[in-house]
Amino acid sequence: MKTGDRCCLDLKKRSWGGKGAFEFTGFVEDKFKDKRYTVVGKLNEFFNIKSISTQQEETIWQANPYPENSNHMYNFTNFAL
C-alpha cells in the first residue's frame, strides 16, 4: 500500500566534543506536500513524533535500558549477553 507520505530526516553532524552525536530532526508530509508531523530523537535513545495540528507528542521507539553492572561488562546489552 502506497500512501504518498514522505519522511525527511536531518542527521546532525557530530562535533569534536560529542555534542549532537546521534541526534536527528525532521518532518512527515503527505502526498500534497503538507507537513503533518515533526520528528525528533537520538538514534541510540528514542524517536518522538509530534502532530502539527493537535500538538500531541508520542514516543515511537525507546532503547531498552542497560542491564545491571553493564559498565563492568563492556556495556553489553541483554541481546549480547
PDB file of N, CA and C in Angstrom:
ATOM      1  N   MET A   1       0.839  -1.172   0.000  1.00  0.00           N
ATOM      2  CA  MET A   1       0.000   0.000   0.000  1.00  0.00           C
ATOM      3  C   MET A   1       0.885   1.236   0.000  1.00  0.00           C
ATOM      4  N   LYS A   2       0.671   2.114  -0.928  1.00  0.00           N
ATOM      5  CA  LYS A   2       1.448   3.350  -1.012  1.00  0.00           C
ATOM      6  C   LYS A   2       0.524   4.527  -0.736  1.00  0.00           C
ATOM      7  N   THR A   3       0.921   5.339   0.255  1.00  0.00           N
ATOM      8  CA  THR A   3       0.095   6.489   0.636  1.00  0.00           C
ATOM      9  C   THR A   3       0.616   7.789   0.048  1.00  0.00           C
ATOM     10  N   GLY A   4       1.882   7.802  -0.361  1.00  0.00           N
ATOM     11  CA  GLY A   4       2.482   9.032  -0.861  1.00  0.00           C
ATOM     12  C   GLY A   4       3.082   9.877   0.241  1.00  0.00           C
ATOM     13  N   ASP A   5       2.963   9.429   1.505  1.00  0.00           N
ATOM     14  CA  ASP A   5       3.569  10.161   2.612  1.00  0.00           C
ATOM     15  C   ASP A   5       5.087  10.028   2.524  1.00  0.00           C
ATOM     16  N   ARG A   6       5.786  11.019   3.060  1.00  0.00           N
ATOM     17  CA  ARG A   6       7.237  11.036   2.976  1.00  0.00           C
ATOM     18  C   ARG A   6       7.815  11.604   4.265  1.00  0.00           C
ATOM     19  N   CYS A   7       8.912  11.018   4.735  1.00  0.00           N
ATOM     20  CA  CYS A   7       9.604  11.492   5.936  1.00  0.00           C
ATOM     21  C   CYS A   7      10.985  11.982   5.536  1.00  0.00           C
ATOM     22  N   CYS A   8      11.322  13.187   5.930  1.00  0.00           N
ATOM     23  CA  CYS A   8      12.637  13.774   5.658  1.00  0.00           C
ATOM     24  C   CYS A   8      13.352  13.979   6.992  1.00  0.00           C
ATOM     25  N   LEU A   9      14.541  13.388   7.132  1.00  0.00           N
ATOM     26  CA  LEU A   9      15.315  13.494   8.365  1.00  0.00           C
ATOM     27  C   LEU A   9      16.589  14.282   8.124  1.00  0.00           C
ATOM     28  N   ASP A  10      16.954  15.083   9.108  1.00  0.00           N
ATOM     29  CA  ASP A  10      18.202  15.834   9.098  1.00  0.00           C
ATOM     30  C   ASP A  10      19.068  15.278  10.223  1.00  0.00           C
ATOM     31  N   LEU A  11      20.123  14.550   9.854  1.00  0.00           N
ATOM     32  CA  LEU A  11      21.028  13.975  10.843  1.00  0.00           C
ATOM     33  C   LEU A  11      22.073  15.018  11.218  1.00  0.00           C
ATOM     34  N   LYS A  12      22.210  15.277  12.512  1.00  0.00           N
ATOM     35  CA  LYS A  12      23.156  16.284  12.991  1.00  0.00           C
ATOM     36  C   LYS A  12      24.583  15.756  12.875  1.00  0.00           C
ATOM     37  N   LYS A  13      25.484  16.657  12.522  1.00  0.00           N
ATOM     38  CA  LYS A  13      26.891  16.285  12.483  1.00  0.00           C
ATOM     39  C   LYS A  13      27.427  16.194  13.897  1.00  0.00           C
ATOM     40  N   ARG A  14      28.325  15.262  14.092  1.00  0.00           N
ATOM     41  CA  ARG A  14      28.937  15.083  15.413  1.00  0.00           C
ATOM     42  C   ARG A  14      30.124  16.023  15.527  1.00  0.00           C
ATOM     43  N   SER A  15      30.167  16.777  16.609  1.00  0.00           N
ATOM     44  CA  SER A  15      31.273  17.712  16.811  1.00  0.00           C
ATOM     45  C   SER A  15      32.399  17.035  17.592  1.00  0.00           C
ATOM     46  N   TRP A  16      33.501  17.721  17.721  1.00  0.00           N
ATOM     47  CA  TRP A  16      34.649  17.172  18.450  1.00  0.00           C
ATOM     48  C   TRP A  16      34.299  16.873  19.896  1.00  0.00           C
ATOM     49  N   GLY A  17      33.462  17.676  20.493  1.00  0.00           N
ATOM     50  CA  GLY A  17      33.078  17.460  21.882  1.00  0.00           C
ATOM     51  C   GLY A  17      32.005  16.396  22.063  1.00  0.00           C
ATOM     52  N   GLY A  18      31.479  15.874  20.979  1.00  0.00           N
ATOM     53  CA  GLY A  18      30.453  14.848  21.066  1.00  0.00           C
ATOM     54  C   GLY A  18      29.047  15.396  21.114  1.00  0.00           C
ATOM     55  N   LYS A  19      28.905  16.726  21.189  1.00  0.00           N
ATOM     56  CA  LYS A  19      27.570  17.314  21.233  1.00  0.00           C
ATOM     57  C   LYS A  19      26.884  17.114  19.880  1.00  0.00           C
ATOM     58  N   GLY A  20      25.655  16.705  19.919  1.00  0.00           N
ATOM     59  CA  GLY A  20      24.907  16.479  18.693  1.00  0.00           C
ATOM     60  C   GLY A  20      25.071  15.081  18.133  1.00  0.00           C
ATOM     61  N   ALA A  21      25.802  14.228  18.836  1.00  0.00           N
ATOM     62  CA  ALA A  21      26.006  12.865  18.347  1.00  0.00           C
ATOM     63  C   ALA A  21      24.682  12.108  18.323  1.00  0.00           C
ATOM     64  N   PHE A  22      24.384  11.484  17.222  1.00  0.00           N
ATOM     65  CA  PHE A  22      23.218  10.626  17.024  1.00  0.00           C
ATOM     66  C   PHE A  22      21.887  11.376  17.007  1.00  0.00           C
ATOM     67  N   GLU A  23      21.886  12.709  17.019  1.00  0.00           N
ATOM     68  CA  GLU A  23      20.638  13.483  17.033  1.00  0.00           C
ATOM     69  C   GLU A  23      20.091  13.663  15.622  1.00  0.00           C
ATOM     70  N   PHE A  24      18.764  13.713  15.526  1.00  0.00           N
ATOM     71  CA  PHE A  24      18.121  13.993  14.251  1.00  0.00           C
ATOM     72  C   PHE A  24      16.831  14.771  14.474  1.00  0.00           C
ATOM     73  N   THR A  25      16.420  15.496  13.456  1.00  0.00           N
ATOM     74  CA  THR A  25      15.140  16.188  13.423  1.00  0.00           C
ATOM     75  C   THR A  25      14.552  15.961  12.039  1.00  0.00           C
ATOM     76  N   GLY A  26      13.286  16.235  11.884  1.00  0.00           N
ATOM     77  CA  GLY A  26      12.681  16.078  10.568  1.00  0.00           C
ATOM     78  C   GLY A  26      11.193  16.309  10.601  1.00  0.00           C
ATOM     79  N   PHE A  27      10.545  15.905   9.502  1.00  0.00           N
ATOM     80  CA  PHE A  27       9.110  16.085   9.375  1.00  0.00           C
ATOM     81  C   PHE A  27       8.536  14.995   8.477  1.00  0.00           C
ATOM     82  N   VAL A  28       7.223  14.804   8.595  1.00  0.00           N
ATOM     83  CA  VAL A  28       6.480  13.889   7.734  1.00  0.00           C
ATOM     84  C   VAL A  28       5.479  14.733   6.966  1.00  0.00           C
ATOM     85  N   GLU A  29       5.447  14.538   5.650  1.00  0.00           N
ATOM     86  CA  GLU A  29       4.491  15.276   4.833  1.00  0.00           C
ATOM     87  C   GLU A  29       3.637  14.301   4.032  1.00  0.00           C
ATOM     88  N   ASP A  30       2.423  14.739   3.698  1.00  0.00           N
ATOM     89  CA  ASP A  30       1.526  13.880   2.929  1.00  0.00           C
ATOM     90  C   ASP A  30       1.805  14.037   1.434  1.00  0.00           C
ATOM     91  N   LYS A  31       1.009  13.369   0.617  1.00  0.00           N
ATOM     92  CA  LYS A  31       1.259  13.394  -0.826  1.00  0.00           C
ATOM     93  C   LYS A  31       1.012  14.769  -1.443  1.00  0.00           C
ATOM     94  N   PHE A  32       0.346  15.655  -0.706  1.00  0.00           N
ATOM     95  CA  PHE A  32       0.104  17.018  -1.189  1.00  0.00           C
ATOM     96  C   PHE A  32       1.172  17.990  -0.695  1.00  0.00           C
ATOM     97  N   LYS A  33       2.243  17.454  -0.077  1.00  0.00           N
ATOM     98  CA  LYS A  33       3.381  18.219   0.454  1.00  0.00           C
ATOM     99  C   LYS A  33       3.008  19.085   1.667  1.00  0.00           C
ATOM    100  N   ASP A  34       1.919  18.743   2.355  1.00  0.00           N
ATOM    101  CA  ASP A  34       1.550  19.431   3.595  1.00  0.00           C
ATOM    102  C   ASP A  34       2.229  18.719   4.758  1.00  0.00           C
ATOM    103  N   LYS A  35       2.930  19.464   5.605  1.00  0.00           N
ATOM    104  CA  LYS A  35       3.610  18.868   6.755  1.00  0.00           C
ATOM    105  C   LYS A  35       2.576  18.479   7.805  1.00  0.00           C
ATOM    106  N   ARG A  36       2.645  17.217   8.245  1.00  0.00           N
ATOM    107  CA  ARG A  36       1.686  16.687   9.212  1.00  0.00           C
ATOM    108  C   ARG A  36       2.304  16.441  10.583  1.00  0.00           C
ATOM    109  N   TYR A  37       3.565  16.025  10.615  1.00  0.00           N
ATOM    110  CA  TYR A  37       4.241  15.680  11.865  1.00  0.00           C
ATOM    111  C   TYR A  37       5.669  16.208  11.853  1.00  0.00           C
ATOM    112  N   THR A  38       6.182  16.469  13.053  1.00  0.00           N
ATOM    113  CA  THR A  38       7.611  16.715  13.218  1.00  0.00           C
ATOM    114  C   THR A  38       8.179  15.530  13.986  1.00  0.00           C
ATOM    115  N   VAL A  39       9.423  15.199  13.688  1.00  0.00           N
ATOM    116  CA  VAL A  39      10.083  14.085  14.362  1.00  0.00           C
ATOM    117  C   VAL A  39      11.389  14.583  14.960  1.00  0.00           C
ATOM    118  N   VAL A  40      11.760  14.011  16.089  1.00  0.00           N
ATOM    119  CA  VAL A  40      12.989  14.385  16.784  1.00  0.00           C
ATOM    120  C   VAL A  40      13.458  13.175  17.581  1.00  0.00           C
ATOM    121  N   GLY A  41      14.763  13.079  17.780  1.00  0.00           N
ATOM    122  CA  GLY A  41      15.255  11.976  18.595  1.00  0.00           C
ATOM    123  C   GLY A  41      16.751  11.816  18.538  1.00  0.00           C
ATOM    124  N   LYS A  42      17.196  10.737  19.143  1.00  0.00           N
ATOM    125  CA  LYS A  42      18.591  10.316  19.108  1.00  0.00           C
ATOM    126  C   LYS A  42      18.589   8.859  18.665  1.00  0.00           C
ATOM    127  N   LEU A  43      19.438   8.539  17.699  1.00  0.00           N
ATOM    128  CA  LEU A  43      19.436   7.203  17.108  1.00  0.00           C
ATOM    129  C   LEU A  43      19.668   6.094  18.121  1.00  0.00           C
ATOM    130  N   ASN A  44      20.331   6.403  19.226  1.00  0.00           N
ATOM    131  CA  ASN A  44      20.635   5.370  20.220  1.00  0.00           C
ATOM    132  C   ASN A  44      19.781   5.479  21.483  1.00  0.00           C
ATOM    133  N   GLU A  45      18.772   6.381  21.503  1.00  0.00           N
ATOM    134  CA  GLU A  45      17.950   6.557  22.706  1.00  0.00           C
ATOM    135  C   GLU A  45      16.446   6.519  22.456  1.00  0.00           C
ATOM    136  N   PHE A  46      15.932   7.372  21.567  1.00  0.00           N
ATOM    137  CA  PHE A  46      14.483   7.491  21.408  1.00  0.00           C
ATOM    138  C   PHE A  46      14.127   8.085  20.048  1.00  0.00           C
ATOM    139  N   PHE A  47      12.834   7.967  19.699  1.00  0.00           N
ATOM    140  CA  PHE A  47      12.287   8.540  18.472  1.00  0.00           C
ATOM    141  C   PHE A  47      10.901   9.067  18.828  1.00  0.00           C
ATOM    142  N   ASN A  48      10.714  10.390  18.763  1.00  0.00           N
ATOM    143  CA  ASN A  48       9.430  11.016  19.086  1.00  0.00           C
ATOM    144  C   ASN A  48       8.817  11.618  17.833  1.00  0.00           C
ATOM    145  N   ILE A  49       7.496  11.582  17.771  1.00  0.00           N
ATOM    146  CA  ILE A  49       6.766  12.198  16.672  1.00  0.00           C
ATOM    147  C   ILE A  49       5.690  13.103  17.272  1.00  0.00           C
ATOM    148  N   LYS A  50       5.498  14.278  16.672  1.00  0.00           N
ATOM    149  CA  LYS A  50       4.548  15.258  17.201  1.00  0.00           C
ATOM    150  C   LYS A  50       3.647  15.738  16.074  1.00  0.00           C
ATOM    151  N   SER A  51       2.345  15.659  16.287  1.00  0.00           N
ATOM    152  CA  SER A  51       1.375  16.117  15.299  1.00  0.00           C
ATOM    153  C   SER A  51       1.385  17.642  15.250  1.00  0.00           C
ATOM    154  N   ILE A  52       1.445  18.197  14.064  1.00  0.00           N
ATOM    155  CA  ILE A  52       1.446  19.654  13.924  1.00  0.00           C
ATOM    156  C   ILE A  52       0.067  20.224  14.230  1.00  0.00           C
ATOM    157  N   SER A  53      -0.989  19.503  13.846  1.00  0.00           N
ATOM    158  CA  SER A  53      -2.346  20.023  14.037  1.00  0.00           C
ATOM    159  C   SER A  53      -2.814  19.955  15.490  1.00  0.00           C
ATOM    160  N   THR A  54      -2.502  18.864  16.201  1.00  0.00           N
ATOM    161  CA  THR A  54      -3.006  18.707  17.572  1.00  0.00           C
ATOM    162  C   THR A  54      -1.940  18.952  18.640  1.00  0.00           C
ATOM    163  N   GLN A  55      -0.678  19.066  18.249  1.00  0.00           N
ATOM    164  CA  GLN A  55       0.445  19.259  19.175  1.00  0.00           C
ATOM    165  C   GLN A  55       0.607  18.080  20.136  1.00  0.00           C
ATOM    166  N   GLN A  56       0.050  16.924  19.784  1.00  0.00           N
ATOM    167  CA  GLN A  56       0.179  15.730  20.619  1.00  0.00           C
ATOM    168  C   GLN A  56       1.488  15.029  20.256  1.00  0.00           C
ATOM    169  N   GLU A  57       2.289  14.729  21.291  1.00  0.00           N
ATOM    170  CA  GLU A  57       3.583  14.096  21.076  1.00  0.00           C
ATOM    171  C   GLU A  57       3.540  12.653  21.576  1.00  0.00           C
ATOM    172  N   GLU A  58       4.210  11.769  20.823  1.00  0.00           N
ATOM    173  CA  GLU A  58       4.214  10.350  21.171  1.00  0.00           C
ATOM    174  C   GLU A  58       5.607   9.779  20.946  1.00  0.00           C
ATOM    175  N   THR A  59       6.039   8.931  21.872  1.00  0.00           N
ATOM    176  CA  THR A  59       7.315   8.233  21.713  1.00  0.00           C
ATOM    177  C   THR A  59       7.057   6.981  20.896  1.00  0.00           C
ATOM    178  N   ILE A  60       7.683   6.905  19.737  1.00  0.00           N
ATOM    179  CA  ILE A  60       7.504   5.774  18.831  1.00  0.00           C
ATOM    180  C   ILE A  60       8.437   4.629  19.205  1.00  0.00           C
ATOM    181  N   TRP A  61       9.667   4.977  19.587  1.00  0.00           N
ATOM    182  CA  TRP A  61      10.650   3.959  19.943  1.00  0.00           C
ATOM    183  C   TRP A  61      11.533   4.489  21.065  1.00  0.00           C
ATOM    184  N   GLN A  62      11.909   3.607  21.983  1.00  0.00           N
ATOM    185  CA  GLN A  62      12.822   3.950  23.064  1.00  0.00           C
ATOM    186  C   GLN A  62      13.745   2.760  23.299  1.00  0.00           C
ATOM    187  N   ALA A  63      15.022   3.029  23.468  1.00  0.00           N
ATOM    188  CA  ALA A  63      16.004   1.960  23.675  1.00  0.00           C
ATOM    189  C   ALA A  63      15.768   1.273  25.012  1.00  0.00           C
ATOM    190  N   ASN A  64      16.034  -0.005  25.037  1.00  0.00           N
ATOM    191  CA  ASN A  64      15.937  -0.756  26.293  1.00  0.00           C
ATOM    192  C   ASN A  64      17.056  -0.321  27.239  1.00  0.00           C
ATOM    193  N   PRO A  65      16.795  -0.332  28.541  1.00  0.00           N
ATOM    194  CA  PRO A  65      17.851   0.052  29.487  1.00  0.00           C
ATOM    195  C   PRO A  65      18.948  -1.013  29.520  1.00  0.00           C
ATOM    196  N   TYR A  66      20.146  -0.568  29.886  1.00  0.00           N
ATOM    197  CA  TYR A  66      21.264  -1.495  30.033  1.00  0.00           C
ATOM    198  C   TYR A  66      21.049  -2.360  31.270  1.00  0.00           C
ATOM    199  N   PRO A  67      21.561  -3.587  31.275  1.00  0.00           N
ATOM    200  CA  PRO A  67      21.434  -4.439  32.460  1.00  0.00           C
ATOM    201  C   PRO A  67      22.291  -3.919  33.610  1.00  0.00           C
ATOM    202  N   GLU A  68      22.015  -4.414  34.815  1.00  0.00           N
ATOM    203  CA  GLU A  68      22.801  -4.011  35.978  1.00  0.00           C
ATOM    204  C   GLU A  68      24.263  -4.364  35.751  1.00  0.00           C
ATOM    205  N   ASN A  69      25.138  -3.511  36.244  1.00  0.00           N
ATOM    206  CA  ASN A  69      26.587  -3.706  36.147  1.00  0.00           C
ATOM    207  C   ASN A  69      27.090  -3.825  34.710  1.00  0.00           C
ATOM    208  N   SER A  70      26.384  -3.250  33.767  1.00  0.00           N
ATOM    209  CA  SER A  70      26.823  -3.339  32.374  1.00  0.00           C
ATOM    210  C   SER A  70      28.143  -2.606  32.151  1.00  0.00           C
ATOM    211  N   ASN A  71      28.429  -1.625  33.001  1.00  0.00           N
ATOM    212  CA  ASN A  71      29.707  -0.913  32.864  1.00  0.00           C
ATOM    213  C   ASN A  71      30.889  -1.833  33.180  1.00  0.00           C
ATOM    214  N   HIS A  72      30.662  -2.925  33.893  1.00  0.00           N
ATOM    215  CA  HIS A  72      31.713  -3.900  34.171  1.00  0.00           C
ATOM    216  C   HIS A  72      31.759  -5.002  33.100  1.00  0.00           C
ATOM    217  N   MET A  73      30.800  -4.951  32.172  1.00  0.00           N
ATOM    218  CA  MET A  73      30.717  -5.973  31.121  1.00  0.00           C
ATOM    219  C   MET A  73      30.799  -5.316  29.740  1.00  0.00           C
ATOM    220  N   TYR A  74      31.658  -4.309  29.595  1.00  0.00           N
ATOM    221  CA  TYR A  74      31.874  -3.611  28.326  1.00  0.00           C
ATOM    222  C   TYR A  74      30.601  -2.980  27.776  1.00  0.00           C
ATOM    223  N   ASN A  75      29.653  -2.622  28.646  1.00  0.00           N
ATOM    224  CA  ASN A  75      28.375  -2.028  28.270  1.00  0.00           C
ATOM    225  C   ASN A  75      27.573  -2.884  27.290  1.00  0.00           C
ATOM    226  N   PHE A  76      27.694  -4.202  27.412  1.00  0.00           N
ATOM    227  CA  PHE A  76      26.901  -5.091  26.597  1.00  0.00           C
ATOM    228  C   PHE A  76      25.431  -4.972  26.978  1.00  0.00           C
ATOM    229  N   THR A  77      24.554  -5.152  26.005  1.00  0.00           N
ATOM    230  CA  THR A  77      23.117  -5.169  26.268  1.00  0.00           C
ATOM    231  C   THR A  77      22.680  -6.594  26.570  1.00  0.00           C
ATOM    232  N   ASN A  78      21.413  -6.773  26.918  1.00  0.00           N
ATOM    233  CA  ASN A  78      20.886  -8.111  27.145  1.00  0.00           C
ATOM    234  C   ASN A  78      20.959  -8.965  25.885  1.00  0.00           C
ATOM    235  N   PHE A  79      20.900  -8.333  24.747  1.00  0.00           N
ATOM    236  CA  PHE A  79      20.987  -9.054  23.471  1.00  0.00           C
ATOM    237  C   PHE A  79      22.354  -9.732  23.337  1.00  0.00           C
ATOM    238  N   ALA A  80      23.417  -9.065  23.759  1.00  0.00           N
ATOM    239  CA  ALA A  80      24.765  -9.611  23.621  1.00  0.00           C
ATOM    240  C   ALA A  80      25.096 -10.614  24.714  1.00  0.00           C
ATOM    241  N   LEU A  81      24.416 -10.518  25.846  1.00  0.00           N
ATOM    242  CA  LEU A  81      24.721 -11.427  26.946  1.00  0.00           C
ATOM    243  C   LEU A  81      24.051 -12.699  26.711  1.00  0.00           C
TER     244      LEU A  81
END
